[in-house]
Amino acid sequence: MSIEVNGRKVDWVENETIKQLLKRVKYTFPLVVVKINKEVIPRKDFSNVVVPDNSKIDVIHMISGG
């Protein structure tokens, strides 16, 4: 049982939320967009949405610049 986070295989943890996953894989950037199987998950739902097994997760860091 595994998931893919930004192209890297990661062990899947039952009942793990997006917020918990981000902490576990050390994504600490304050502004990120998360997609699970190409579906954007609203930031307000990170604590509630459970990551399904065999899913592909994209974590996109928002950066400002000029």
C-alpha atoms as a PDB file:
ATOM      1  CA  MET A   1       0.000   0.000   0.000  1.00  0.00           C
ATOM      2  CA  SER A   2       1.464   3.264  -1.134  1.00  0.00           C
ATOM      3  CA  ILE A   3       0.725   6.673  -2.562  1.00  0.00           C
ATOM      4  CA  GLU A   4       2.707   8.965  -4.821  1.00  0.00           C
ATOM      5  CA  VAL A   5       3.577  12.458  -3.616  1.00  0.00           C
ATOM      6  CA  ASN A   6       5.129  14.696  -6.275  1.00  0.00           C
ATOM      7  CA  GLY A   7       6.412  11.626  -8.116  1.00  0.00           C
ATOM      8  CA  ARG A   8       7.872   9.935  -5.022  1.00  0.00           C
ATOM      9  CA  LYS A   9       6.472   6.701  -3.581  1.00  0.00           C
ATOM     10  CA  VAL A  10       5.399   7.130   0.042  1.00  0.00           C
ATOM     11  CA  ASP A  11       3.861   4.615   2.428  1.00  0.00           C
ATOM     12  CA  TRP A  12       0.107   4.993   2.738  1.00  0.00           C
ATOM     13  CA  VAL A  13      -1.223   5.475   6.280  1.00  0.00           C
ATOM     14  CA  GLU A  14      -4.837   4.549   6.943  1.00  0.00           C
ATOM     15  CA  ASN A  15      -7.083   7.491   7.942  1.00  0.00           C
ATOM     16  CA  GLU A  16      -4.298  10.036   7.404  1.00  0.00           C
ATOM     17  CA  THR A  17      -5.528  13.493   6.438  1.00  0.00           C
ATOM     18  CA  ILE A  18      -3.854  15.812   3.971  1.00  0.00           C
ATOM     19  CA  LYS A  19      -2.675  17.999   6.853  1.00  0.00           C
ATOM     20  CA  GLN A  20      -1.044  15.009   8.577  1.00  0.00           C
ATOM     21  CA  LEU A  21       0.548  13.821   5.333  1.00  0.00           C
ATOM     22  CA  LEU A  22       2.068  17.228   4.620  1.00  0.00           C
ATOM     23  CA  LYS A  23       3.597  17.266   8.091  1.00  0.00           C
ATOM     24  CA  ARG A  24       4.901  13.702   7.759  1.00  0.00           C
ATOM     25  CA  VAL A  25       6.618  14.354   4.427  1.00  0.00           C
ATOM     26  CA  LYS A  26       7.913  17.687   5.738  1.00  0.00           C
ATOM     27  CA  TYR A  27       6.102  20.075   3.395  1.00  0.00           C
ATOM     28  CA  THR A  28       6.179  23.160   5.586  1.00  0.00           C
ATOM     29  CA  PHE A  29       5.607  25.915   3.053  1.00  0.00           C
ATOM     30  CA  PRO A  30       2.756  28.137   4.269  1.00  0.00           C
ATOM     31  CA  LEU A  31       0.988  28.346   0.901  1.00  0.00           C
ATOM     32  CA  VAL A  32       0.448  25.114  -1.014  1.00  0.00           C
ATOM     33  CA  VAL A  33      -2.154  23.729  -3.369  1.00  0.00           C
ATOM     34  CA  VAL A  34      -2.895  20.026  -3.043  1.00  0.00           C
ATOM     35  CA  LYS A  35      -4.388  17.857  -5.757  1.00  0.00           C
ATOM     36  CA  ILE A  36      -5.429  14.251  -5.208  1.00  0.00           C
ATOM     37  CA  ASN A  37      -5.804  12.352  -8.479  1.00  0.00           C
ATOM     38  CA  LYS A  38      -5.970  15.703 -10.324  1.00  0.00           C
ATOM     39  CA  GLU A  39      -8.747  17.084  -8.082  1.00  0.00           C
ATOM     40  CA  VAL A  40      -7.886  20.288  -6.219  1.00  0.00           C
ATOM     41  CA  ILE A  41      -8.649  20.023  -2.507  1.00  0.00           C
ATOM     42  CA  PRO A  42      -9.645  23.306  -0.834  1.00  0.00           C
ATOM     43  CA  ARG A  43      -7.184  24.381   1.869  1.00  0.00           C
ATOM     44  CA  LYS A  44     -10.004  24.570   4.424  1.00  0.00           C
ATOM     45  CA  ASP A  45     -10.508  20.796   3.966  1.00  0.00           C
ATOM     46  CA  PHE A  46      -6.885  19.692   4.591  1.00  0.00           C
ATOM     47  CA  SER A  47      -7.765  18.601   8.153  1.00  0.00           C
ATOM     48  CA  ASN A  48     -10.813  16.616   7.042  1.00  0.00           C
ATOM     49  CA  VAL A  49      -9.934  14.938   3.741  1.00  0.00           C
ATOM     50  CA  VAL A  50      -8.431  11.469   4.175  1.00  0.00           C
ATOM     51  CA  VAL A  51      -5.827  10.416   1.623  1.00  0.00           C
ATOM     52  CA  PRO A  52      -6.977   7.298  -0.259  1.00  0.00           C
ATOM     53  CA  ASP A  53      -4.644   4.374  -0.925  1.00  0.00           C
ATOM     54  CA  ASN A  54      -2.998   4.252  -4.364  1.00  0.00           C
ATOM     55  CA  SER A  55      -3.616   7.955  -4.961  1.00  0.00           C
ATOM     56  CA  LYS A  56      -1.402  10.409  -6.789  1.00  0.00           C
ATOM     57  CA  ILE A  57      -0.878  13.611  -4.827  1.00  0.00           C
ATOM     58  CA  ASP A  58       0.555  16.806  -6.242  1.00  0.00           C
ATOM     59  CA  VAL A  59       1.731  19.455  -3.799  1.00  0.00           C
ATOM     60  CA  ILE A  60       2.323  22.787  -5.504  1.00  0.00           C
ATOM     61  CA  HIS A  61       4.170  25.523  -3.610  1.00  0.00           C
ATOM     62  CA  MET A  62       2.843  29.011  -4.213  1.00  0.00           C
ATOM     63  CA  ILE A  63       5.666  31.524  -4.634  1.00  0.00           C
ATOM     64  CA  SER A  64       5.419  35.252  -5.169  1.00  0.00           C
ATOM     65  CA  GLY A  65       7.964  37.306  -6.969  1.00  0.00           C
ATOM     66  CA  GLY A  66       8.402  40.121  -9.319  1.00  0.00           C
END
